[in-house]
Amino acid sequence: MPIHMRMRKLRGPQKKQSMPFEMFRTHTQPVNLRDIEARFDAGSEVTLEALQAAGLGTRKGIPIKVLATGELTKGLTVHAHAFSKTAQARIESAGGSCVLVDS
């Protein structure tokens, strides 16, 4: 058998023997502003339980991070484990507030 067929193939991040990316991976579930905009009314309080009831952030035990994909035109009080800087700025510019939840 030729040597190139006998050698291990270690290319790509999907191989088990290649560089371990698990230590650099973030374990959060993203929730976008466009989804919050579509599912909640103006002035409502968006808690973790309300997000799960609306079908967002359904994985148990994994923190929720709000990301800035989409626009927000309603003033909402959003509770989450983390916010991106842009998402926090958009929520506060729409008249809402961001509340950090400790896990």
N, C-alpha and C. Protein backbone atom coordinates (compact mmCIF):
# COMPACT_ATOMS: atom_id res chain seq x y z
N MET A 1 0.85 -1.17 0.00
CA MET A 1 0.00 0.00 0.00
C MET A 1 0.91 1.24 0.00
N PRO A 2 0.61 2.24 -0.82
CA PRO A 2 1.44 3.44 -0.88
C PRO A 2 1.43 4.21 0.44
N ILE A 3 2.50 4.98 0.68
CA ILE A 3 2.66 5.68 1.96
C ILE A 3 1.60 6.75 2.16
N HIS A 4 1.13 7.39 1.09
CA HIS A 4 0.12 8.45 1.27
C HIS A 4 -1.23 7.87 1.70
N MET A 5 -1.44 6.61 1.47
CA MET A 5 -2.68 5.99 1.93
C MET A 5 -2.55 5.46 3.36
N ARG A 6 -1.32 5.26 3.83
CA ARG A 6 -1.09 4.75 5.17
C ARG A 6 -0.99 5.86 6.22
N MET A 7 -0.69 7.09 5.80
CA MET A 7 -0.51 8.19 6.75
C MET A 7 -1.87 8.73 7.23
N ARG A 8 -1.85 9.26 8.46
CA ARG A 8 -3.08 9.84 9.01
C ARG A 8 -3.39 11.16 8.34
N LYS A 9 -4.65 11.42 8.14
CA LYS A 9 -5.10 12.69 7.57
C LYS A 9 -5.54 13.58 8.72
N LEU A 10 -4.81 14.67 8.99
CA LEU A 10 -5.11 15.55 10.12
C LEU A 10 -5.52 16.94 9.67
N ARG A 11 -6.13 17.04 8.54
CA ARG A 11 -6.52 18.36 8.05
C ARG A 11 -7.93 18.71 8.50
N GLY A 12 -8.15 19.96 8.79
CA GLY A 12 -9.50 20.45 9.08
C GLY A 12 -9.88 20.37 10.54
N PRO A 13 -10.75 21.28 10.99
CA PRO A 13 -11.15 21.32 12.40
C PRO A 13 -12.11 20.20 12.79
N GLN A 14 -12.67 19.48 11.81
CA GLN A 14 -13.63 18.44 12.14
C GLN A 14 -12.97 17.13 12.54
N LYS A 15 -11.67 17.00 12.34
CA LYS A 15 -10.98 15.78 12.71
C LYS A 15 -10.73 15.73 14.22
N LYS A 16 -10.81 14.57 14.79
CA LYS A 16 -10.68 14.42 16.23
C LYS A 16 -9.25 14.69 16.71
N GLN A 17 -8.24 14.38 15.88
CA GLN A 17 -6.87 14.55 16.28
C GLN A 17 -6.32 15.96 16.00
N SER A 18 -7.06 16.77 15.30
CA SER A 18 -6.56 18.11 14.96
C SER A 18 -6.69 19.03 16.18
N MET A 19 -6.40 20.30 16.00
CA MET A 19 -6.36 21.25 17.11
C MET A 19 -7.68 21.28 17.88
N PRO A 20 -7.65 21.20 19.19
CA PRO A 20 -8.90 21.20 19.96
C PRO A 20 -9.52 22.59 20.02
N PHE A 21 -10.68 22.75 19.41
CA PHE A 21 -11.37 24.04 19.41
C PHE A 21 -12.36 24.15 20.55
N GLU A 22 -12.58 23.09 21.29
CA GLU A 22 -13.59 23.09 22.34
C GLU A 22 -13.28 24.08 23.45
N MET A 23 -12.02 24.31 23.76
CA MET A 23 -11.69 25.23 24.84
C MET A 23 -11.94 26.69 24.45
N PHE A 24 -12.07 26.99 23.17
CA PHE A 24 -12.32 28.35 22.71
C PHE A 24 -13.79 28.59 22.38
N ARG A 25 -14.60 27.56 22.40
CA ARG A 25 -16.00 27.67 22.01
C ARG A 25 -16.81 28.33 23.12
N THR A 26 -17.70 29.22 22.74
CA THR A 26 -18.59 29.85 23.71
C THR A 26 -19.87 29.02 23.79
N HIS A 27 -20.37 28.85 24.98
CA HIS A 27 -21.57 28.04 25.17
C HIS A 27 -22.73 28.95 25.57
N THR A 28 -23.23 29.69 24.61
CA THR A 28 -24.42 30.52 24.81
C THR A 28 -25.36 30.27 23.64
N GLN A 29 -26.63 30.53 23.87
CA GLN A 29 -27.58 30.43 22.78
C GLN A 29 -28.01 31.83 22.37
N PRO A 30 -27.90 32.16 21.09
CA PRO A 30 -28.18 33.52 20.64
C PRO A 30 -29.67 33.77 20.46
N VAL A 31 -30.09 34.99 20.79
CA VAL A 31 -31.44 35.46 20.53
C VAL A 31 -31.29 36.82 19.85
N ASN A 32 -31.87 36.96 18.67
CA ASN A 32 -31.72 38.19 17.90
C ASN A 32 -32.81 39.19 18.23
N LEU A 33 -32.48 40.47 18.01
CA LEU A 33 -33.46 41.53 18.29
C LEU A 33 -34.67 41.43 17.37
N ARG A 34 -34.49 40.97 16.14
CA ARG A 34 -35.64 40.87 15.23
C ARG A 34 -36.66 39.86 15.74
N ASP A 35 -36.20 38.80 16.41
CA ASP A 35 -37.12 37.81 16.97
C ASP A 35 -37.86 38.36 18.18
N ILE A 36 -37.16 39.14 19.01
CA ILE A 36 -37.80 39.78 20.16
C ILE A 36 -38.82 40.80 19.69
N GLU A 37 -38.48 41.55 18.64
CA GLU A 37 -39.40 42.55 18.07
C GLU A 37 -40.68 41.90 17.56
N ALA A 38 -40.56 40.75 16.93
CA ALA A 38 -41.72 40.09 16.33
C ALA A 38 -42.62 39.43 17.37
N ARG A 39 -42.09 39.01 18.52
CA ARG A 39 -42.87 38.21 19.46
C ARG A 39 -43.40 38.95 20.68
N PHE A 40 -42.90 40.15 20.97
CA PHE A 40 -43.32 40.84 22.19
C PHE A 40 -43.91 42.21 21.88
N ASP A 41 -44.87 42.62 22.72
CA ASP A 41 -45.53 43.91 22.56
C ASP A 41 -44.72 45.01 23.24
N ALA A 42 -45.04 46.25 22.90
CA ALA A 42 -44.33 47.39 23.47
C ALA A 42 -44.60 47.49 24.96
N GLY A 43 -43.56 47.79 25.73
CA GLY A 43 -43.69 47.96 27.16
C GLY A 43 -43.68 46.68 27.96
N SER A 44 -43.57 45.54 27.32
CA SER A 44 -43.58 44.28 28.08
C SER A 44 -42.20 43.97 28.63
N GLU A 45 -42.18 43.06 29.59
CA GLU A 45 -40.95 42.66 30.22
C GLU A 45 -40.56 41.28 29.68
N VAL A 46 -39.40 41.21 29.04
CA VAL A 46 -38.94 39.99 28.39
C VAL A 46 -38.02 39.25 29.36
N THR A 47 -38.56 38.28 30.07
CA THR A 47 -37.77 37.48 31.02
C THR A 47 -37.31 36.20 30.34
N LEU A 48 -36.52 35.42 31.05
CA LEU A 48 -36.05 34.15 30.49
C LEU A 48 -37.20 33.19 30.27
N GLU A 49 -38.16 33.19 31.18
CA GLU A 49 -39.33 32.33 31.03
C GLU A 49 -40.19 32.77 29.84
N ALA A 50 -40.31 34.08 29.64
CA ALA A 50 -41.08 34.59 28.50
C ALA A 50 -40.39 34.25 27.18
N LEU A 51 -39.07 34.28 27.16
CA LEU A 51 -38.34 33.90 25.95
C LEU A 51 -38.55 32.43 25.63
N GLN A 52 -38.54 31.56 26.65
CA GLN A 52 -38.76 30.14 26.42
C GLN A 52 -40.20 29.88 25.98
N ALA A 53 -41.15 30.62 26.53
CA ALA A 53 -42.55 30.44 26.13
C ALA A 53 -42.78 30.89 24.70
N ALA A 54 -41.99 31.86 24.24
CA ALA A 54 -42.12 32.36 22.87
C ALA A 54 -41.33 31.53 21.87
N GLY A 55 -40.60 30.51 22.34
CA GLY A 55 -39.86 29.65 21.44
C GLY A 55 -38.42 30.09 21.22
N LEU A 56 -37.96 31.04 22.01
CA LEU A 56 -36.57 31.51 21.91
C LEU A 56 -35.81 31.02 23.14
N GLY A 57 -34.58 30.63 22.98
CA GLY A 57 -33.78 30.19 24.11
C GLY A 57 -34.34 28.95 24.76
N THR A 58 -34.56 27.91 24.01
CA THR A 58 -35.25 26.73 24.52
C THR A 58 -34.33 25.70 25.17
N ARG A 59 -33.02 25.82 24.99
CA ARG A 59 -32.11 24.83 25.59
C ARG A 59 -31.91 25.15 27.06
N LYS A 60 -32.17 24.17 27.91
CA LYS A 60 -32.09 24.38 29.36
C LYS A 60 -30.64 24.37 29.82
N GLY A 61 -30.34 25.25 30.76
CA GLY A 61 -29.02 25.28 31.36
C GLY A 61 -27.96 26.01 30.56
N ILE A 62 -28.30 26.52 29.39
CA ILE A 62 -27.33 27.24 28.56
C ILE A 62 -27.70 28.71 28.58
N PRO A 63 -26.77 29.60 28.91
CA PRO A 63 -27.08 31.03 29.01
C PRO A 63 -27.54 31.63 27.68
N ILE A 64 -28.36 32.66 27.79
CA ILE A 64 -28.91 33.35 26.63
C ILE A 64 -28.15 34.65 26.42
N LYS A 65 -27.76 34.89 25.17
CA LYS A 65 -27.10 36.14 24.80
C LYS A 65 -27.92 36.82 23.72
N VAL A 66 -28.23 38.10 23.93
CA VAL A 66 -29.01 38.87 22.98
C VAL A 66 -28.04 39.52 21.99
N LEU A 67 -28.29 39.26 20.70
CA LEU A 67 -27.45 39.81 19.64
C LEU A 67 -28.21 40.87 18.86
N ALA A 68 -27.49 41.69 18.12
CA ALA A 68 -28.07 42.89 17.50
C ALA A 68 -28.53 42.69 16.07
N THR A 69 -28.88 41.49 15.67
CA THR A 69 -29.38 41.29 14.32
C THR A 69 -30.82 41.75 14.25
N GLY A 70 -31.10 42.75 13.45
CA GLY A 70 -32.44 43.32 13.33
C GLY A 70 -32.56 44.63 14.07
N GLU A 71 -33.71 45.24 13.94
CA GLU A 71 -33.99 46.52 14.59
C GLU A 71 -35.03 46.34 15.69
N LEU A 72 -35.00 47.22 16.66
CA LEU A 72 -35.96 47.21 17.75
C LEU A 72 -36.60 48.59 17.82
N THR A 73 -37.92 48.65 17.72
CA THR A 73 -38.64 49.93 17.74
C THR A 73 -39.49 50.09 18.99
N LYS A 74 -39.58 49.05 19.81
CA LYS A 74 -40.42 49.09 21.01
C LYS A 74 -39.55 49.22 22.25
N GLY A 75 -40.09 49.88 23.25
CA GLY A 75 -39.40 49.96 24.53
C GLY A 75 -39.67 48.72 25.35
N LEU A 76 -38.67 47.89 25.53
CA LEU A 76 -38.81 46.62 26.25
C LEU A 76 -37.78 46.54 27.36
N THR A 77 -38.13 45.83 28.42
CA THR A 77 -37.17 45.50 29.47
C THR A 77 -36.74 44.05 29.23
N VAL A 78 -35.49 43.87 28.82
CA VAL A 78 -35.01 42.55 28.40
C VAL A 78 -34.08 41.99 29.48
N HIS A 79 -34.37 40.78 29.95
CA HIS A 79 -33.54 40.07 30.92
C HIS A 79 -32.78 38.98 30.16
N ALA A 80 -31.45 38.94 30.30
CA ALA A 80 -30.64 37.91 29.66
C ALA A 80 -29.32 37.76 30.41
N HIS A 81 -28.60 36.71 30.08
CA HIS A 81 -27.31 36.47 30.72
C HIS A 81 -26.22 37.37 30.16
N ALA A 82 -26.33 37.74 28.87
CA ALA A 82 -25.32 38.59 28.24
C ALA A 82 -25.96 39.36 27.08
N PHE A 83 -25.38 40.50 26.76
CA PHE A 83 -25.82 41.34 25.66
C PHE A 83 -24.60 41.73 24.85
N SER A 84 -24.76 41.81 23.53
CA SER A 84 -23.69 42.40 22.75
C SER A 84 -23.79 43.92 22.92
N LYS A 85 -22.69 44.62 22.69
CA LYS A 85 -22.68 46.07 22.90
C LYS A 85 -23.68 46.77 21.99
N THR A 86 -23.77 46.33 20.76
CA THR A 86 -24.69 46.94 19.80
C THR A 86 -26.14 46.66 20.18
N ALA A 87 -26.41 45.45 20.65
CA ALA A 87 -27.78 45.11 21.06
C ALA A 87 -28.20 45.95 22.26
N GLN A 88 -27.29 46.12 23.21
CA GLN A 88 -27.60 46.94 24.39
C GLN A 88 -27.86 48.39 23.98
N ALA A 89 -27.07 48.91 23.06
CA ALA A 89 -27.27 50.28 22.60
C ALA A 89 -28.60 50.44 21.86
N ARG A 90 -28.98 49.44 21.06
CA ARG A 90 -30.25 49.52 20.32
C ARG A 90 -31.45 49.40 21.25
N ILE A 91 -31.36 48.56 22.26
CA ILE A 91 -32.47 48.42 23.21
C ILE A 91 -32.65 49.72 23.99
N GLU A 92 -31.55 50.30 24.45
CA GLU A 92 -31.65 51.54 25.22
C GLU A 92 -32.04 52.73 24.37
N SER A 93 -31.67 52.74 23.09
CA SER A 93 -32.08 53.84 22.21
C SER A 93 -33.56 53.76 21.85
N ALA A 94 -34.14 52.55 21.93
CA ALA A 94 -35.57 52.39 21.66
C ALA A 94 -36.42 52.68 22.90
N GLY A 95 -35.77 53.03 24.01
CA GLY A 95 -36.52 53.35 25.22
C GLY A 95 -36.65 52.20 26.19
N GLY A 96 -35.92 51.14 25.98
CA GLY A 96 -35.98 49.98 26.87
C GLY A 96 -34.80 49.94 27.80
N SER A 97 -34.67 48.82 28.50
CA SER A 97 -33.54 48.65 29.41
C SER A 97 -33.08 47.20 29.36
N CYS A 98 -31.81 47.01 29.70
CA CYS A 98 -31.18 45.69 29.73
C CYS A 98 -30.90 45.30 31.17
N VAL A 99 -31.28 44.09 31.55
CA VAL A 99 -31.05 43.59 32.90
C VAL A 99 -30.22 42.31 32.78
N LEU A 100 -29.05 42.29 33.40
CA LEU A 100 -28.20 41.11 33.40
C LEU A 100 -28.67 40.14 34.47
N VAL A 101 -28.79 38.87 34.11
CA VAL A 101 -29.23 37.82 35.02
C VAL A 101 -28.02 36.98 35.36
N ASP A 102 -27.81 36.74 36.64
CA ASP A 102 -26.72 35.86 37.07
C ASP A 102 -27.19 34.42 37.00
N SER A 103 -26.31 33.54 36.49
CA SER A 103 -26.71 32.14 36.40
C SER A 103 -26.44 31.41 37.67
